[in-house]
Amino acid sequence: MSGGTTRRGAIGLGATALALAAAGRASAAASDPVAVLSTWDFGKAANEAALAAFRAGGSALDAVEAGAKVPEADPDNHSVGYSGYPDRDGHVTLDAIIMDQDGRVGAVAALENVVHAISVARLVMEKTPHTLLVGEGATRFALDNGMPRANLLTPEAEKAWRDWLKTADYRPIANVENHLPGPPGSRLNHDTIGIMARGRDGHLAAACTTSGMAFKMRGRVGDSPQAGCGLFLEKGVGAAASTGVGEEVTRIAGTARVVASMRAGLSPQAACREAVEHIARLRGEAIKGMQVGFLALGADGRIGAFALLPGFTYAVTRHSGAAEVLPSPSLLGAPA
């Protein structure tokens, strides 16, 4: 046909256009790679602080620490740091972990009276031969290293706790603390921030910090400060963070599983999905209505996310400063 296009030619042109669009997206991602990736919409502000640390000449480790400190100090965020909801005895206890790609890790659990748990975790990494300090020992270590003492229980968080006590069955019954608005593990009752950074040189670091499940049993520690559960990072492979009900993540060493899947060749997206599907197969009806999600950053800058239930969001910030909050795909529909 002269002066026209055959059907086969049109199909070919369409395929070419799609290929060019994909190549364009890949080129854009290469020229403006992901700098910071974090869980939930409040991660966007954390990402901004992390990017500022990068631009000031800081390392990926400096970036994730700076980012994690933002929700830790936010009085309106009741799932991380200052103003976090207390345990059922009225004590605000914090958990945090920080990792870099050189195999260094530091963590704290059941830390009290110190706002920036992530900075204490970094001190554990850099100043001790250990990887995890807990409870009174963690608090004493923080204060001995110059961290200021603070009352973490704000009037608003205390009121929420006292309101909960009016109807709480104050006995160590599994999951009684989950009787809060929204599905267990959702942002409405408790959560955490996991944050991962990748420098322009490809160097990776990651951090996670939380005040844990609202009105938890005294002494309860979830997945967040446990390497391979709430957070994991491996040089040349990538990093992963988890969110939701920590006990379910801990049962499968969730983030170690995600990173292992990436090492085996799965994309970050497929690796997150595999971990969620494994939990669903393993636990069945035991996790009905519960939220668990994973977020991953590959060593090559690719990202992925997947959750059990709808509602999990994550924040992506590129080195140019371009930022967006995206919904994660999920395995199941909303809980009944």
Protein backbone atom coordinates (compact mmCIF):
# COMPACT_ATOMS: atom_id res chain seq x y z
CA MET A 1 0.00 0.00 0.00
CA SER A 2 1.36 3.39 -0.94
CA GLY A 3 0.67 6.45 1.15
CA GLY A 4 -0.65 4.27 4.01
CA THR A 5 0.26 1.78 6.70
CA THR A 6 -0.49 -1.91 6.68
CA ARG A 7 -1.99 -3.63 9.75
CA ARG A 8 1.28 -5.47 10.28
CA GLY A 9 3.14 -2.21 9.98
CA ALA A 10 0.84 -0.55 12.50
CA ILE A 11 1.40 -3.38 14.96
CA GLY A 12 5.12 -3.04 14.42
CA LEU A 13 4.98 0.70 15.01
CA GLY A 14 2.96 0.14 18.18
CA ALA A 15 5.48 -2.36 19.50
CA THR A 16 8.29 0.02 18.65
CA ALA A 17 6.55 2.84 20.51
CA LEU A 18 6.13 0.67 23.60
CA ALA A 19 9.75 -0.37 23.45
CA LEU A 20 10.86 3.24 23.10
CA ALA A 21 8.66 4.27 26.04
CA ALA A 22 10.14 1.51 28.20
CA ALA A 23 13.64 2.51 27.13
CA GLY A 24 12.80 6.11 27.97
CA ARG A 25 11.65 5.16 31.47
CA ALA A 26 14.78 3.09 31.99
CA SER A 27 16.95 5.97 30.78
CA ALA A 28 15.17 8.42 33.08
CA ALA A 29 15.60 6.07 36.03
CA ALA A 30 19.30 5.73 35.21
CA SER A 31 19.80 9.48 35.00
CA ASP A 32 17.70 10.16 38.10
CA PRO A 33 17.97 7.04 40.26
CA VAL A 34 16.10 6.32 43.47
CA ALA A 35 17.85 7.95 46.42
CA VAL A 36 15.51 7.02 49.28
CA LEU A 37 12.66 4.54 49.70
CA SER A 38 10.51 4.31 52.83
CA THR A 39 7.31 2.85 54.18
CA TRP A 40 4.05 4.79 54.45
CA ASP A 41 3.08 8.29 53.40
CA PHE A 42 4.86 9.86 56.37
CA GLY A 43 8.01 8.46 54.80
CA LYS A 44 7.95 11.33 52.31
CA ALA A 45 9.10 13.83 54.95
CA ALA A 46 11.69 11.34 56.16
CA ASN A 47 12.95 10.96 52.61
CA GLU A 48 13.38 14.73 52.30
CA ALA A 49 15.65 14.77 55.34
CA ALA A 50 17.59 11.80 54.01
CA LEU A 51 18.09 13.50 50.64
CA ALA A 52 19.26 16.67 52.42
CA ALA A 53 21.88 14.57 54.21
CA PHE A 54 23.07 13.22 50.86
CA ARG A 55 23.28 16.73 49.41
CA ALA A 56 25.31 17.90 52.42
CA GLY A 57 27.90 15.29 51.57
CA GLY A 58 26.67 12.59 53.93
CA SER A 59 26.81 8.87 53.36
CA ALA A 60 23.89 6.53 52.78
CA LEU A 61 24.14 5.67 56.49
CA ASP A 62 23.88 9.37 57.40
CA ALA A 63 20.88 9.63 55.09
CA VAL A 64 18.83 6.83 56.64
CA GLU A 65 19.61 8.03 60.17
CA ALA A 66 18.54 11.59 59.30
CA GLY A 67 15.38 10.30 57.66
CA ALA A 68 14.40 8.03 60.53
CA LYS A 69 14.82 10.86 63.03
CA VAL A 70 11.97 12.81 61.42
CA PRO A 71 9.06 10.57 62.49
CA GLU A 72 10.86 9.80 65.76
CA ALA A 73 10.50 13.47 66.75
CA ASP A 74 6.99 14.00 65.32
CA PRO A 75 4.42 14.39 68.13
CA ASP A 76 1.61 13.64 65.68
CA ASN A 77 3.01 10.23 64.76
CA HIS A 78 1.93 7.73 67.41
CA SER A 79 3.77 4.76 65.93
CA VAL A 80 7.36 5.97 66.07
CA GLY A 81 9.46 7.62 68.81
CA TYR A 82 8.21 10.61 70.79
CA SER A 83 4.44 10.41 71.37
CA GLY A 84 4.35 6.74 70.45
CA TYR A 85 1.55 4.79 72.08
CA PRO A 86 2.74 3.07 75.27
CA ASP A 87 2.66 -0.56 76.30
CA ARG A 88 -0.24 -1.72 78.47
CA ASP A 89 1.67 -0.61 81.59
CA GLY A 90 1.97 2.95 80.27
CA HIS A 91 5.63 2.86 79.20
CA VAL A 92 6.70 4.05 75.75
CA THR A 93 9.39 1.65 74.53
CA LEU A 94 11.26 2.00 71.27
CA ASP A 95 12.93 -0.43 68.87
CA ALA A 96 15.34 0.46 66.06
CA ILE A 97 17.95 -1.00 63.75
CA ILE A 98 20.47 0.41 61.28
CA MET A 99 22.56 -1.47 58.70
CA ASP A 100 25.04 -0.76 55.93
CA GLN A 101 26.29 -2.88 53.07
CA ASP A 102 29.58 -3.67 54.79
CA GLY A 103 27.84 -6.03 57.18
CA ARG A 104 27.69 -3.56 60.05
CA VAL A 105 24.52 -3.56 62.15
CA GLY A 106 23.36 -1.97 65.39
CA ALA A 107 20.01 -2.25 67.11
CA VAL A 108 18.12 -1.47 70.31
CA ALA A 109 14.91 -2.90 71.72
CA ALA A 110 12.66 -1.81 74.58
CA LEU A 111 14.59 1.46 74.83
CA GLU A 112 13.00 4.07 77.12
CA ASN A 113 13.36 7.82 77.75
CA VAL A 114 15.36 8.59 74.60
CA VAL A 115 13.71 10.07 71.49
CA HIS A 116 16.13 9.03 68.76
CA ALA A 117 16.36 5.28 69.00
CA ILE A 118 17.93 5.14 65.54
CA SER A 119 20.91 7.19 66.74
CA VAL A 120 21.34 4.87 69.69
CA ALA A 121 21.29 1.92 67.29
CA ARG A 122 24.04 3.57 65.28
CA LEU A 123 26.07 4.06 68.48
CA VAL A 124 25.68 0.35 69.21
CA MET A 125 27.00 -0.39 65.73
CA GLU A 126 29.94 1.98 65.93
CA LYS A 127 30.97 1.88 69.59
CA THR A 128 30.34 -1.69 70.76
CA PRO A 129 31.23 -5.21 69.62
CA HIS A 130 27.52 -6.07 69.81
CA THR A 131 24.62 -5.83 67.40
CA LEU A 132 21.68 -5.49 69.83
CA LEU A 133 21.17 -3.91 73.26
CA VAL A 134 17.84 -4.12 75.07
CA GLY A 135 15.85 -2.60 77.90
CA GLU A 136 17.57 -0.90 80.82
CA GLY A 137 21.00 -1.66 79.37
CA ALA A 138 20.13 0.05 76.09
CA THR A 139 18.80 3.11 77.92
CA ARG A 140 21.85 3.34 80.16
CA PHE A 141 24.15 3.00 77.15
CA ALA A 142 22.30 5.83 75.37
CA LEU A 143 22.47 8.18 78.34
CA ASP A 144 26.14 7.34 78.98
CA ASN A 145 26.84 8.36 75.38
CA GLY A 146 25.26 11.76 75.76
CA MET A 147 21.77 11.15 74.45
CA PRO A 148 19.33 13.47 76.25
CA ARG A 149 16.73 11.97 78.58
CA ALA A 150 13.14 12.71 77.56
CA ASN A 151 9.62 11.83 78.63
CA LEU A 152 8.19 10.10 75.57
CA LEU A 153 4.60 9.81 76.83
CA THR A 154 2.75 12.88 75.59
CA PRO A 155 -0.64 13.91 77.01
CA GLU A 156 -2.39 12.79 73.82
CA ALA A 157 -0.78 9.34 73.86
CA GLU A 158 -1.47 8.97 77.58
CA LYS A 159 -5.14 9.82 77.04
CA ALA A 160 -5.41 7.18 74.32
CA TRP A 161 -3.85 4.63 76.68
CA ARG A 162 -6.19 5.52 79.55
CA ASP A 163 -9.18 5.30 77.22
CA TRP A 164 -7.98 1.85 76.12
CA LEU A 165 -7.65 0.74 79.75
CA LYS A 166 -11.36 1.36 80.35
CA THR A 167 -12.29 -1.62 78.20
CA ALA A 168 -9.05 -3.60 78.04
CA ASP A 169 -8.96 -7.06 79.52
CA TYR A 170 -5.69 -6.53 81.33
CA ARG A 171 -4.33 -10.05 81.03
CA PRO A 172 -1.65 -11.51 78.74
CA ILE A 173 -4.08 -12.78 76.13
CA ALA A 174 -2.63 -13.08 72.68
CA ASN A 175 -3.76 -10.32 70.32
CA VAL A 176 -5.97 -8.45 72.81
CA GLU A 177 -3.89 -5.38 71.90
CA ASN A 178 -5.12 -5.69 68.32
CA HIS A 179 -8.66 -4.58 69.19
CA LEU A 180 -8.11 -1.12 67.78
CA PRO A 181 -9.46 0.78 64.75
CA GLY A 182 -8.40 -0.75 61.47
CA PRO A 183 -6.91 -4.15 60.72
CA PRO A 184 -4.09 -5.33 63.00
CA GLY A 185 -0.84 -3.96 61.66
CA SER A 186 -2.46 -1.09 59.80
CA ARG A 187 -1.38 2.51 60.16
CA LEU A 188 -4.48 3.14 62.29
CA ASN A 189 -3.19 1.16 65.24
CA HIS A 190 0.55 0.74 64.94
CA ASP A 191 3.33 0.85 62.51
CA THR A 192 6.93 1.62 61.84
CA ILE A 193 9.12 3.33 59.32
CA GLY A 194 11.59 1.34 57.28
CA ILE A 195 13.89 3.52 55.19
CA MET A 196 16.50 2.55 52.60
CA ALA A 197 18.96 4.79 50.77
CA ARG A 198 21.17 4.37 47.73
CA GLY A 199 23.92 6.86 46.95
CA ARG A 200 24.84 7.81 43.41
CA ASP A 201 27.86 5.54 43.93
CA GLY A 202 25.47 2.63 44.56
CA HIS A 203 26.30 2.34 48.25
CA LEU A 204 23.32 1.12 50.31
CA ALA A 205 22.19 1.64 53.90
CA ALA A 206 18.91 0.96 55.69
CA ALA A 207 17.16 1.71 58.97
CA CYS A 208 13.95 0.92 60.81
CA THR A 209 12.46 2.54 63.91
CA THR A 210 9.19 2.13 65.81
CA SER A 211 7.40 2.40 69.12
CA GLY A 212 5.85 -0.96 68.37
CA MET A 213 2.33 -2.24 68.68
CA ALA A 214 0.00 0.04 70.60
CA PHE A 215 -0.68 -1.13 74.17
CA LYS A 216 1.49 -4.22 73.69
CA MET A 217 2.41 -6.51 76.55
CA ARG A 218 5.29 -5.16 78.62
CA GLY A 219 8.51 -6.50 77.13
CA ARG A 220 7.05 -7.31 73.71
CA VAL A 221 9.49 -6.80 70.84
CA GLY A 222 8.35 -7.25 67.26
CA ASP A 223 10.26 -7.73 64.06
CA SER A 224 11.58 -4.19 63.67
CA PRO A 225 14.95 -4.37 65.50
CA GLN A 226 15.74 -7.91 64.43
CA ALA A 227 18.13 -8.20 61.48
CA GLY A 228 16.51 -10.37 58.83
CA CYS A 229 13.02 -9.72 60.15
CA GLY A 230 12.16 -6.01 60.19
CA LEU A 231 15.15 -5.08 58.06
CA PHE A 232 17.91 -6.71 56.03
CA LEU A 233 20.60 -5.57 53.64
CA GLU A 234 23.17 -7.45 51.60
CA LYS A 235 25.93 -5.89 49.48
CA GLY A 236 25.44 -6.48 45.79
CA VAL A 237 21.86 -7.66 46.27
CA GLY A 238 19.74 -5.03 47.98
CA ALA A 239 17.71 -4.21 51.06
CA ALA A 240 14.22 -4.93 52.37
CA ALA A 241 11.99 -3.58 55.13
CA SER A 242 8.76 -4.93 56.56
CA THR A 243 5.63 -3.40 58.00
CA GLY A 244 2.51 -4.63 59.78
CA VAL A 245 2.20 -7.32 62.44
CA GLY A 246 5.78 -8.06 63.40
CA GLU A 247 5.14 -11.52 64.79
CA GLU A 248 4.07 -12.73 61.36
CA VAL A 249 7.20 -11.30 59.74
CA THR A 250 9.44 -12.80 62.42
CA ARG A 251 7.99 -16.28 61.85
CA ILE A 252 9.53 -16.39 58.37
CA ALA A 253 12.55 -14.06 58.82
CA GLY A 254 10.72 -11.99 56.24
CA THR A 255 13.23 -9.43 55.02
CA ALA A 256 16.05 -11.99 54.90
CA ARG A 257 13.71 -14.06 52.73
CA VAL A 258 13.04 -11.11 50.40
CA VAL A 259 16.75 -10.40 49.99
CA ALA A 260 17.50 -14.10 49.45
CA SER A 261 14.89 -14.17 46.70
CA MET A 262 16.52 -11.16 45.04
CA ARG A 263 19.89 -12.91 45.31
CA ALA A 264 18.31 -15.90 43.54
CA GLY A 265 17.20 -13.67 40.67
CA LEU A 266 13.72 -12.39 41.54
CA SER A 267 12.99 -8.71 41.04
CA PRO A 268 12.36 -6.65 44.20
CA GLN A 269 8.64 -6.69 43.37
CA ALA A 270 8.49 -10.45 42.86
CA ALA A 271 10.56 -11.05 45.99
CA CYS A 272 8.17 -9.01 48.14
CA ARG A 273 5.20 -10.85 46.68
CA GLU A 274 6.80 -14.26 47.30
CA ALA A 275 7.26 -13.48 51.00
CA VAL A 276 3.65 -12.32 51.40
CA GLU A 277 2.33 -15.39 49.61
CA HIS A 278 4.47 -17.61 51.83
CA ILE A 279 2.97 -16.05 54.96
CA ALA A 280 -0.53 -16.51 53.56
CA ARG A 281 0.11 -20.20 52.80
CA LEU A 282 1.80 -20.82 56.13
CA ARG A 283 -0.68 -19.08 58.39
CA GLY A 284 -4.01 -19.35 56.60
CA GLU A 285 -6.95 -18.29 58.76
CA ALA A 286 -4.62 -17.29 61.61
CA ILE A 287 -3.79 -14.04 59.82
CA LYS A 288 -7.31 -13.14 58.70
CA GLY A 289 -7.66 -9.35 58.84
CA MET A 290 -3.98 -8.77 59.57
CA GLN A 291 -1.67 -6.55 57.56
CA VAL A 292 1.88 -7.46 56.56
CA GLY A 293 3.86 -5.76 53.83
CA PHE A 294 7.37 -5.68 52.39
CA LEU A 295 9.33 -2.98 50.61
CA ALA A 296 12.58 -3.65 48.74
CA LEU A 297 15.37 -1.75 47.02
CA GLY A 298 17.69 -3.61 44.69
CA ALA A 299 21.40 -2.91 44.42
CA ASP A 300 20.67 -1.73 40.88
CA GLY A 301 18.09 0.80 42.10
CA ARG A 302 14.94 -1.12 41.20
CA ILE A 303 12.16 -1.10 43.80
CA GLY A 304 9.27 -3.34 44.79
CA ALA A 305 6.44 -3.55 47.31
CA PHE A 306 3.69 -6.00 48.19
CA ALA A 307 1.24 -6.44 51.07
CA LEU A 308 -1.39 -8.84 52.33
CA LEU A 309 -4.14 -6.20 52.41
CA PRO A 310 -4.78 -2.96 50.54
CA GLY A 311 -3.72 0.26 52.23
CA PHE A 312 0.04 -0.06 52.46
CA THR A 313 1.77 2.92 50.84
CA TYR A 314 5.39 3.83 50.34
CA ALA A 315 7.41 6.94 49.50
CA VAL A 316 9.98 7.14 46.69
CA THR A 317 12.41 10.04 46.36
CA ARG A 318 14.94 10.38 43.54
CA HIS A 319 18.27 12.18 43.61
CA SER A 320 16.74 15.11 41.68
CA GLY A 321 14.27 15.60 44.52
CA ALA A 322 11.31 14.20 42.62
CA ALA A 323 9.09 12.39 45.13
CA GLU A 324 5.87 10.43 45.16
CA VAL A 325 3.78 8.28 47.47
CA LEU A 326 2.57 5.09 45.83
CA PRO A 327 0.05 2.39 46.82
CA SER A 328 1.38 -1.12 47.19
CA PRO A 329 -0.32 -3.97 45.38
CA SER A 330 -1.85 -6.54 47.71
CA LEU A 331 -2.74 -10.21 47.79
CA LEU A 332 -6.20 -9.91 49.35
CA GLY A 333 -9.09 -7.50 49.38
CA ALA A 334 -10.05 -5.33 52.32
CA PRO A 335 -10.95 -7.25 55.50
CA ALA A 336 -14.62 -7.96 56.11
